[in-house]
């Protein structure tokens, strides 16, 4: 499920078979088919209706690799993660 949901283009059953190291294709194809059907049912059930507001925010995260620079704000800031929020 993780592999199928993390990419925009998606994964083929053959690629998932290779990633998981499985020998038989048929069980992988059946699993992928069931997951795609469940994901389609979910999309039909949870549609956005009414007024929708979207905003973005920048939140600080701690990392030993990134040095915090003072004075830089917004998109170019090192050590900040962009987060989209919809309500």
C-alpha atoms as a PDB file:
ATOM      1  CA  UNK A   1       0.000   0.000   0.000  1.00  0.00           C
ATOM      2  CA  UNK A   2       2.858   2.363   0.796  1.00  0.00           C
ATOM      3  CA  UNK A   3       4.451   1.939  -2.625  1.00  0.00           C
ATOM      4  CA  UNK A   4       1.160   2.545  -4.425  1.00  0.00           C
ATOM      5  CA  UNK A   5       0.219   5.643  -2.455  1.00  0.00           C
ATOM      6  CA  UNK A   6       3.539   7.493  -2.316  1.00  0.00           C
ATOM      7  CA  UNK A   7       4.073   8.162  -6.017  1.00  0.00           C
ATOM      8  CA  UNK A   8       2.002  10.335  -8.311  1.00  0.00           C
ATOM      9  CA  UNK A   9       2.355   8.011 -11.281  1.00  0.00           C
ATOM     10  CA  UNK A  10       1.685   4.863  -9.260  1.00  0.00           C
ATOM     11  CA  UNK A  11       3.305   1.448  -9.428  1.00  0.00           C
ATOM     12  CA  UNK A  12       2.601  -1.420 -11.768  1.00  0.00           C
ATOM     13  CA  UNK A  13       2.010  -4.888 -10.371  1.00  0.00           C
ATOM     14  CA  UNK A  14       5.255  -6.001 -12.038  1.00  0.00           C
ATOM     15  CA  UNK A  15       7.252  -3.274 -10.265  1.00  0.00           C
ATOM     16  CA  UNK A  16       5.694  -4.157  -6.898  1.00  0.00           C
ATOM     17  CA  UNK A  17       6.556  -7.814  -7.536  1.00  0.00           C
ATOM     18  CA  UNK A  18      10.196  -6.807  -8.136  1.00  0.00           C
ATOM     19  CA  UNK A  19      10.316  -4.470  -5.101  1.00  0.00           C
ATOM     20  CA  UNK A  20       8.911  -7.143  -2.769  1.00  0.00           C
ATOM     21  CA  UNK A  21      11.016  -9.941  -4.239  1.00  0.00           C
ATOM     22  CA  UNK A  22       8.064 -12.223  -4.984  1.00  0.00           C
ATOM     23  CA  UNK A  23       8.211 -14.973  -7.609  1.00  0.00           C
ATOM     24  CA  UNK A  24       4.588 -15.305  -8.701  1.00  0.00           C
ATOM     25  CA  UNK A  25       2.814 -12.465 -10.543  1.00  0.00           C
ATOM     26  CA  UNK A  26      -0.839 -13.504 -10.113  1.00  0.00           C
ATOM     27  CA  UNK A  27      -1.147 -12.924  -6.325  1.00  0.00           C
ATOM     28  CA  UNK A  28       0.557  -9.537  -6.664  1.00  0.00           C
ATOM     29  CA  UNK A  29      -1.795  -8.551  -9.485  1.00  0.00           C
ATOM     30  CA  UNK A  30      -4.831  -9.583  -7.411  1.00  0.00           C
ATOM     31  CA  UNK A  31      -3.583  -7.580  -4.402  1.00  0.00           C
ATOM     32  CA  UNK A  32      -2.934  -4.481  -6.535  1.00  0.00           C
ATOM     33  CA  UNK A  33      -6.357  -4.825  -8.174  1.00  0.00           C
ATOM     34  CA  UNK A  34      -8.099  -5.003  -4.763  1.00  0.00           C
ATOM     35  CA  UNK A  35      -6.136  -2.023  -3.434  1.00  0.00           C
ATOM     36  CA  UNK A  36      -6.981   0.105  -6.473  1.00  0.00           C
ATOM     37  CA  UNK A  37     -10.663  -0.783  -6.135  1.00  0.00           C
ATOM     38  CA  UNK A  38     -10.633   0.137  -2.429  1.00  0.00           C
ATOM     39  CA  UNK A  39      -8.852   3.415  -3.184  1.00  0.00           C
ATOM     40  CA  UNK A  40     -11.473   4.222  -5.850  1.00  0.00           C
ATOM     41  CA  UNK A  41     -14.316   3.486  -3.435  1.00  0.00           C
ATOM     42  CA  UNK A  42     -12.683   5.743  -0.856  1.00  0.00           C
ATOM     43  CA  UNK A  43     -12.461   8.621  -3.336  1.00  0.00           C
ATOM     44  CA  UNK A  44     -16.146   8.272  -4.225  1.00  0.00           C
ATOM     45  CA  UNK A  45     -17.165   8.225  -0.552  1.00  0.00           C
ATOM     46  CA  UNK A  46     -15.104  11.199   0.679  1.00  0.00           C
ATOM     47  CA  UNK A  47     -15.696  14.107  -1.679  1.00  0.00           C
ATOM     48  CA  UNK A  48     -15.152  17.726  -0.681  1.00  0.00           C
ATOM     49  CA  UNK A  49     -18.382  19.735  -0.554  1.00  0.00           C
ATOM     50  CA  UNK A  50     -19.361  23.245   0.406  1.00  0.00           C
ATOM     51  CA  UNK A  51     -16.842  25.967   1.160  1.00  0.00           C
ATOM     52  CA  UNK A  52     -13.244  24.782   1.270  1.00  0.00           C
ATOM     53  CA  UNK A  53     -10.365  26.858   2.602  1.00  0.00           C
ATOM     54  CA  UNK A  54      -6.729  26.054   1.892  1.00  0.00           C
ATOM     55  CA  UNK A  55      -3.664  27.612   3.452  1.00  0.00           C
ATOM     56  CA  UNK A  56       0.002  26.799   3.777  1.00  0.00           C
ATOM     57  CA  UNK A  57       2.303  27.166   6.704  1.00  0.00           C
ATOM     58  CA  UNK A  58       5.981  26.693   7.478  1.00  0.00           C
ATOM     59  CA  UNK A  59       6.933  24.667  10.506  1.00  0.00           C
ATOM     60  CA  UNK A  60      10.374  24.313  12.045  1.00  0.00           C
ATOM     61  CA  UNK A  61      11.867  20.857  12.238  1.00  0.00           C
ATOM     62  CA  UNK A  62      15.091  19.920  13.939  1.00  0.00           C
ATOM     63  CA  UNK A  63      17.877  18.370  11.934  1.00  0.00           C
ATOM     64  CA  UNK A  64      21.574  18.117  12.640  1.00  0.00           C
ATOM     65  CA  UNK A  65      22.352  18.542   8.920  1.00  0.00           C
ATOM     66  CA  UNK A  66      20.607  21.886   8.421  1.00  0.00           C
ATOM     67  CA  UNK A  67      21.970  25.063   9.930  1.00  0.00           C
ATOM     68  CA  UNK A  68      19.386  27.621  10.975  1.00  0.00           C
ATOM     69  CA  UNK A  69      19.881  30.943   9.204  1.00  0.00           C
ATOM     70  CA  UNK A  70      18.394  34.012  10.833  1.00  0.00           C
ATOM     71  CA  UNK A  71      16.617  36.611   8.781  1.00  0.00           C
ATOM     72  CA  UNK A  72      15.363  34.356   5.977  1.00  0.00           C
ATOM     73  CA  UNK A  73      11.621  33.716   6.042  1.00  0.00           C
ATOM     74  CA  UNK A  74       9.143  31.803   3.889  1.00  0.00           C
ATOM     75  CA  UNK A  75       9.905  29.298   1.151  1.00  0.00           C
ATOM     76  CA  UNK A  76      13.688  29.697   1.112  1.00  0.00           C
ATOM     77  CA  UNK A  77      14.220  29.053   4.799  1.00  0.00           C
ATOM     78  CA  UNK A  78      16.489  26.178   5.756  1.00  0.00           C
ATOM     79  CA  UNK A  79      15.037  24.056   8.552  1.00  0.00           C
ATOM     80  CA  UNK A  80      11.394  24.771   7.702  1.00  0.00           C
ATOM     81  CA  UNK A  81       8.927  22.322   6.184  1.00  0.00           C
ATOM     82  CA  UNK A  82       6.022  23.526   4.016  1.00  0.00           C
ATOM     83  CA  UNK A  83       2.640  22.102   5.110  1.00  0.00           C
ATOM     84  CA  UNK A  84      -0.683  22.483   3.257  1.00  0.00           C
ATOM     85  CA  UNK A  85      -3.896  22.528   5.309  1.00  0.00           C
ATOM     86  CA  UNK A  86      -7.465  22.270   4.023  1.00  0.00           C
ATOM     87  CA  UNK A  87     -10.645  22.774   6.028  1.00  0.00           C
END
